[in-house]
N, C-alpha and C. Protein backbone atom coordinates (compact mmCIF):
# COMPACT_ATOMS: atom_id res chain seq x y z
N MET A 1 -1.11 20.06 34.93
CA MET A 1 0.00 18.73 34.10
C MET A 1 -1.52 17.84 33.82
N ASN A 2 -2.46 17.48 34.92
CA ASN A 2 -3.29 16.54 34.60
C ASN A 2 -4.24 16.75 32.84
N ALA A 3 -4.58 18.15 32.75
CA ALA A 3 -4.98 18.16 31.71
C ALA A 3 -3.98 17.84 30.56
N ILE A 4 -2.87 18.42 30.48
CA ILE A 4 -1.79 17.70 29.56
C ILE A 4 -1.76 16.41 29.43
N LEU A 5 -1.78 15.78 30.06
CA LEU A 5 -1.81 14.29 29.67
C LEU A 5 -3.09 13.69 29.50
N GLU A 6 -4.20 14.30 29.57
CA GLU A 6 -5.77 13.55 29.50
C GLU A 6 -5.34 14.06 27.77
N TYR A 7 -5.03 15.24 27.76
CA TYR A 7 -5.00 15.50 25.91
C TYR A 7 -4.44 14.65 25.17
N THR A 8 -3.51 14.33 26.01
CA THR A 8 -2.12 13.46 25.05
C THR A 8 -2.54 12.46 25.00
N VAL A 9 -2.85 11.86 26.33
CA VAL A 9 -3.85 10.12 25.94
C VAL A 9 -4.75 10.14 25.17
N GLY A 10 -5.71 11.28 25.53
CA GLY A 10 -7.06 10.89 24.13
C GLY A 10 -6.62 11.93 22.58
N THR A 11 -5.70 12.36 22.42
CA THR A 11 -4.98 12.30 21.02
C THR A 11 -4.62 11.24 20.41
N LEU A 12 -3.43 10.48 20.98
CA LEU A 12 -2.76 9.27 21.50
C LEU A 12 -3.73 8.06 20.98
N VAL A 13 -5.46 8.28 21.52
CA VAL A 13 -6.30 7.31 21.93
C VAL A 13 -6.90 7.55 20.49
N LEU A 14 -7.21 8.69 19.49
CA LEU A 14 -7.76 9.26 18.42
C LEU A 14 -7.11 8.40 17.21
N ILE A 15 -5.90 8.87 17.85
CA ILE A 15 -4.97 8.61 15.94
C ILE A 15 -5.17 7.06 16.47
N PHE A 16 -4.87 6.08 17.32
CA PHE A 16 -4.53 4.69 17.40
C PHE A 16 -5.83 4.12 16.50
N MET A 17 -7.18 4.69 16.66
CA MET A 17 -8.07 4.07 16.64
C MET A 17 -8.16 4.58 15.24
N ALA A 18 -7.73 5.87 14.72
CA ALA A 18 -8.00 6.28 13.41
C ALA A 18 -7.03 5.33 12.23
N ALA A 19 -5.94 4.74 12.93
CA ALA A 19 -4.97 3.88 11.75
C ALA A 19 -5.46 2.27 11.84
N ILE A 20 -6.28 2.38 13.26
CA ILE A 20 -7.43 0.97 13.60
C ILE A 20 -8.18 0.96 11.80
N LEU A 21 -9.15 1.54 11.83
CA LEU A 21 -10.27 1.87 10.37
C LEU A 21 -9.40 2.08 9.21
N VAL A 22 -8.06 2.93 9.45
CA VAL A 22 -8.12 3.55 8.14
C VAL A 22 -7.11 2.64 7.69
N GLY A 23 -6.10 2.02 8.10
CA GLY A 23 -5.22 0.74 7.47
C GLY A 23 -5.70 0.15 6.70
N PRO A 24 -6.67 -0.89 7.03
CA PRO A 24 -6.90 -1.84 6.48
C PRO A 24 -7.61 -1.07 5.20
N ALA A 25 -8.33 -0.31 5.23
CA ALA A 25 -9.11 -0.01 3.87
C ALA A 25 -7.84 0.81 2.99
N LEU A 26 -6.45 1.35 3.33
CA LEU A 26 -5.27 1.67 2.36
C LEU A 26 -4.88 0.31 2.02
N TYR A 27 -5.22 -0.91 3.03
CA TYR A 27 -4.21 -1.98 1.99
C TYR A 27 -4.96 -2.60 1.35
N PHE A 28 -6.17 -2.60 1.55
CA PHE A 28 -7.16 -3.45 0.82
C PHE A 28 -7.52 -2.81 -0.41
N ASP A 29 -7.57 -1.08 -0.74
CA ASP A 29 -7.22 -0.22 -1.74
C ASP A 29 -6.02 -0.79 -2.47
N ARG A 30 -4.93 -0.79 -2.25
CA ARG A 30 -3.78 -1.30 -2.64
C ARG A 30 -3.62 -2.49 -3.37
N ARG A 31 -4.36 -3.89 -2.94
CA ARG A 31 -4.63 -4.58 -3.29
C ARG A 31 -5.33 -4.76 -4.27
N GLU A 32 -6.62 -4.21 -4.45
CA GLU A 32 -7.76 -4.04 -5.95
C GLU A 32 -7.07 -3.48 -6.37
N ARG A 33 -6.40 -2.44 -7.10
CA ARG A 33 -5.57 -1.84 -7.51
C ARG A 33 -4.71 -2.51 -8.35
N THR A 34 -3.76 -3.10 -7.04
CA THR A 34 -2.88 -4.21 -8.12
C THR A 34 -3.25 -4.94 -9.16
N ALA A 35 -4.33 -5.35 -8.30
CA ALA A 35 -5.13 -6.57 -9.07
C ALA A 35 -6.05 -6.19 -10.48
N GLU A 36 -6.31 -4.39 -10.78
CA GLU A 36 -7.12 -4.14 -11.19
C GLU A 36 -5.54 -3.63 -12.69
N ARG A 37 -4.27 -3.48 -12.59
CA ARG A 37 -3.30 -3.70 -13.48
C ARG A 37 -3.16 -4.31 -13.72
N ARG A 38 -3.08 -5.76 -13.13
CA ARG A 38 -2.77 -6.99 -13.56
C ARG A 38 -3.79 -7.34 -15.00
N LEU A 39 -4.63 -7.14 -14.48
CA LEU A 39 -6.19 -7.32 -15.53
C LEU A 39 -5.85 -7.11 -16.56
N LYS A 40 -6.37 -5.31 -16.52
CA LYS A 40 -5.68 -4.36 -17.87
C LYS A 40 -4.80 -4.69 -18.58
N ALA A 41 -3.09 -5.12 -17.73
CA ALA A 41 -2.19 -5.89 -18.84
C ALA A 41 -2.39 -6.51 -19.34
N ALA A 42 -2.96 -7.87 -18.52
CA ALA A 42 -3.47 -8.81 -19.37
C ALA A 42 -4.36 -8.49 -20.11
N GLU A 43 -5.32 -7.59 -20.54
CA GLU A 43 -6.58 -7.50 -21.72
C GLU A 43 -5.32 -6.91 -22.48
N ARG A 44 -4.72 -6.25 -22.54
CA ARG A 44 -3.72 -5.89 -22.88
C ARG A 44 -3.08 -6.45 -24.10
N GLY A 45 -2.55 -7.67 -23.89
CA GLY A 45 -1.44 -8.95 -24.23
C GLY A 45 -0.01 -8.60 -23.51
N GLU A 46 -0.01 -7.92 -22.41
CA GLU A 46 1.37 -7.94 -21.87
C GLU A 46 1.58 -9.16 -20.81
N LYS A 47 2.78 -9.37 -20.77
CA LYS A 47 2.96 -10.53 -19.83
C LYS A 47 3.42 -9.63 -18.26
N THR A 48 2.31 -10.37 -17.33
CA THR A 48 2.36 -10.15 -16.17
C THR A 48 3.45 -11.07 -15.39
N ALA A 49 3.97 -10.75 -14.62
CA ALA A 49 4.65 -11.69 -13.73
C ALA A 49 4.27 -12.13 -12.23
N PRO A 50 4.32 -13.70 -11.31
CA PRO A 50 3.18 -13.36 -10.30
C PRO A 50 3.44 -12.89 -9.42
N ALA A 51 2.26 -12.38 -8.86
CA ALA A 51 2.83 -12.16 -7.74
C ALA A 51 4.32 -11.23 -6.70
N GLY A 52 4.51 -13.12 -6.84
CA GLY A 52 5.23 -12.73 -5.42
C GLY A 52 6.52 -13.64 -5.72
N ASP A 53 6.77 -13.60 -6.96
CA ASP A 53 7.87 -14.43 -7.90
C ASP A 53 8.92 -13.10 -7.92
N VAL A 54 8.31 -11.92 -7.70
CA VAL A 54 9.74 -10.56 -8.40
C VAL A 54 9.64 -9.64 -7.30
N SER A 55 11.39 -10.38 -7.42
CA SER A 55 11.74 -9.05 -5.89
C SER A 55 11.82 -7.60 -6.73
N ALA A 56 12.04 -6.70 -5.61
CA ALA A 56 12.33 -5.22 -5.62
C ALA A 56 13.81 -5.05 -6.81
N ARG A 57 14.59 -5.58 -6.43
CA ARG A 57 15.83 -5.32 -7.18
C ARG A 57 14.98 -5.44 -8.68
N ASP A 58 14.56 -7.31 -8.84
CA ASP A 58 14.33 -7.26 -10.43
C ASP A 58 13.58 -6.10 -10.63
N ALA A 59 12.48 -5.66 -10.54
CA ALA A 59 11.55 -4.98 -10.77
C ALA A 59 11.91 -3.98 -11.37
N LEU A 60 13.06 -3.13 -10.54
CA LEU A 60 13.84 -2.02 -10.40
C LEU A 60 15.02 -1.99 -10.98
N ALA A 61 15.16 -3.02 -12.05
CA ALA A 61 16.54 -3.51 -12.72
C ALA A 61 16.56 -2.32 -14.10
N GLY A 62 15.30 -2.53 -14.84
CA GLY A 62 15.16 -1.76 -15.80
C GLY A 62 15.25 -0.17 -15.71
N TYR A 63 14.68 0.25 -14.60
CA TYR A 63 14.15 1.29 -14.20
C TYR A 63 14.48 2.90 -14.73
N GLY A 64 15.04 3.67 -15.63
CA GLY A 64 15.66 4.63 -16.37
C GLY A 64 16.79 4.34 -16.96
N ARG A 65 16.54 3.29 -17.76
CA ARG A 65 17.53 2.55 -18.76
C ARG A 65 16.70 3.12 -19.82
N ALA A 66 17.48 3.12 -20.99
CA ALA A 66 16.57 3.43 -22.60
C ALA A 66 16.80 2.46 -22.93
N ALA A 67 15.71 2.12 -23.43
CA ALA A 67 15.70 0.90 -24.22
C ALA A 67 16.65 0.23 -25.09
């Protein structure tokens, strides 16, 4: 019983440490990709909305509809 508990606690500690290390990296990678996407759109002359001014509903309003 003691071995099972130690294994479980050890596994949870490893998962927690991985989340602490990988979580911020994924978050900042996502921010960087968003910034790059906005810069490329600006270079092409497309109008981009400010980051915080668009709700998810507004962003998906025209998705899947014919132009």
